[in-house]
């Protein structure tokens, strides 16, 4: 879900927002909402033992036992996705600035 959001919206957010800082903050704010929804969905699927399971066997009692490496892996993968998305926002802003500069340039014959 996070990857789909990043691929579909990061570049357009950077392209259509004039201020690069506002574009990055907008992307991060929207991605935080998507990330929260994704995390709750993954957790509920894991606890309900719906395949494919994210973090190993479904918990049978509390406290829940899990592997720290799985937690760190989930966080690391999502950090990489956020970094790539931020890069796409910056790329979109550069493409927009380059296109605006070409429109204002005057060709001398």
Protein backbone atom coordinates (compact mmCIF):
# COMPACT_ATOMS: atom_id res chain seq x y z
CA UNK A 1 0.00 0.00 0.00
CA UNK A 2 2.82 2.37 0.89
CA UNK A 3 4.69 1.50 -2.30
CA UNK A 4 1.59 2.06 -4.43
CA UNK A 5 1.00 5.47 -2.84
CA UNK A 6 4.64 6.44 -3.37
CA UNK A 7 4.74 5.38 -7.02
CA UNK A 8 1.43 7.05 -7.88
CA UNK A 9 1.63 10.29 -5.92
CA UNK A 10 5.21 11.30 -5.00
CA UNK A 11 6.26 12.62 -8.43
CA UNK A 12 2.97 14.50 -9.08
CA UNK A 13 3.10 16.11 -5.63
CA UNK A 14 6.59 17.41 -6.38
CA UNK A 15 5.57 18.51 -9.86
CA UNK A 16 2.41 20.43 -8.96
CA UNK A 17 3.54 22.15 -5.74
CA UNK A 18 5.61 25.27 -6.40
CA UNK A 19 7.51 25.18 -3.10
CA UNK A 20 9.71 22.09 -2.73
CA UNK A 21 9.57 22.18 1.08
CA UNK A 22 5.79 22.26 1.12
CA UNK A 23 5.74 19.41 -1.41
CA UNK A 24 7.96 17.23 0.78
CA UNK A 25 5.94 18.01 3.92
CA UNK A 26 2.71 17.23 2.03
CA UNK A 27 4.11 13.92 0.81
CA UNK A 28 5.34 12.98 4.31
CA UNK A 29 2.01 13.93 5.93
CA UNK A 30 -0.02 11.90 3.43
CA UNK A 31 2.42 9.01 3.64
CA UNK A 32 2.12 9.02 7.44
CA UNK A 33 -1.62 8.44 7.07
CA UNK A 34 -1.09 5.64 4.54
CA UNK A 35 1.68 4.11 6.68
CA UNK A 36 -0.55 4.11 9.78
CA UNK A 37 -3.38 2.44 7.91
CA UNK A 38 -0.98 -0.10 6.39
CA UNK A 39 0.60 -0.91 9.76
CA UNK A 40 -2.76 -1.52 11.42
CA UNK A 41 -3.85 -3.68 8.48
CA UNK A 42 -0.67 -5.77 8.63
CA UNK A 43 -1.00 -6.16 12.41
CA UNK A 44 -4.65 -7.23 12.24
CA UNK A 45 -3.96 -9.69 9.41
CA UNK A 46 -1.09 -11.16 11.42
CA UNK A 47 -3.17 -11.51 14.57
CA UNK A 48 -6.05 -13.09 12.61
CA UNK A 49 -3.63 -15.47 10.86
CA UNK A 50 -4.77 -14.35 7.40
CA UNK A 51 -2.27 -15.52 4.78
CA UNK A 52 0.25 -14.31 3.81
CA UNK A 53 1.42 -13.75 7.38
CA UNK A 54 3.79 -10.83 7.96
CA UNK A 55 5.60 -11.73 11.17
CA UNK A 56 5.66 -15.49 11.56
CA UNK A 57 3.05 -17.59 13.35
CA UNK A 58 -0.07 -15.90 14.62
CA UNK A 59 -0.07 -15.08 18.35
CA UNK A 60 -1.92 -17.50 20.60
CA UNK A 61 -1.57 -15.65 23.91
CA UNK A 62 -0.44 -12.41 25.45
CA UNK A 63 2.14 -11.03 25.73
CA UNK A 64 2.74 -11.48 22.02
CA UNK A 65 6.11 -12.95 21.06
CA UNK A 66 7.80 -11.63 17.95
CA UNK A 67 11.27 -11.32 16.50
CA UNK A 68 13.03 -7.97 16.77
CA UNK A 69 14.62 -8.56 13.37
CA UNK A 70 11.18 -8.68 11.74
CA UNK A 71 10.23 -5.41 13.39
CA UNK A 72 13.49 -3.72 12.33
CA UNK A 73 13.11 -5.13 8.82
CA UNK A 74 9.60 -3.71 8.49
CA UNK A 75 10.82 -0.32 9.67
CA UNK A 76 13.88 -0.34 7.41
CA UNK A 77 11.89 -1.26 4.30
CA UNK A 78 9.42 1.53 4.99
CA UNK A 79 12.23 4.03 5.60
CA UNK A 80 13.68 3.15 2.18
CA UNK A 81 10.25 3.63 0.60
CA UNK A 82 9.93 7.05 2.25
CA UNK A 83 13.43 8.04 1.09
CA UNK A 84 12.64 7.00 -2.49
CA UNK A 85 9.35 8.90 -2.30
CA UNK A 86 11.10 12.03 -1.07
CA UNK A 87 13.55 11.70 -3.95
CA UNK A 88 10.65 11.43 -6.39
CA UNK A 89 9.11 14.58 -4.90
CA UNK A 90 12.39 16.45 -5.43
CA UNK A 91 12.63 15.06 -8.97
CA UNK A 92 9.09 16.23 -9.69
CA UNK A 93 9.95 19.72 -8.42
CA UNK A 94 13.05 19.83 -10.65
CA UNK A 95 11.08 18.69 -13.69
CA UNK A 96 8.48 21.37 -13.02
CA UNK A 97 11.15 24.07 -12.63
CA UNK A 98 12.92 22.96 -15.80
CA UNK A 99 9.69 23.00 -17.77
CA UNK A 100 8.79 26.46 -16.44
CA UNK A 101 12.25 27.75 -17.41
CA UNK A 102 11.85 26.43 -20.95
CA UNK A 103 8.48 28.17 -21.31
CA UNK A 104 9.93 31.53 -20.27
CA UNK A 105 13.03 31.24 -22.47
CA UNK A 106 12.96 33.27 -25.66
CA UNK A 107 14.50 31.85 -28.81
CA UNK A 108 16.53 34.39 -30.77
CA UNK A 109 16.69 33.71 -34.48
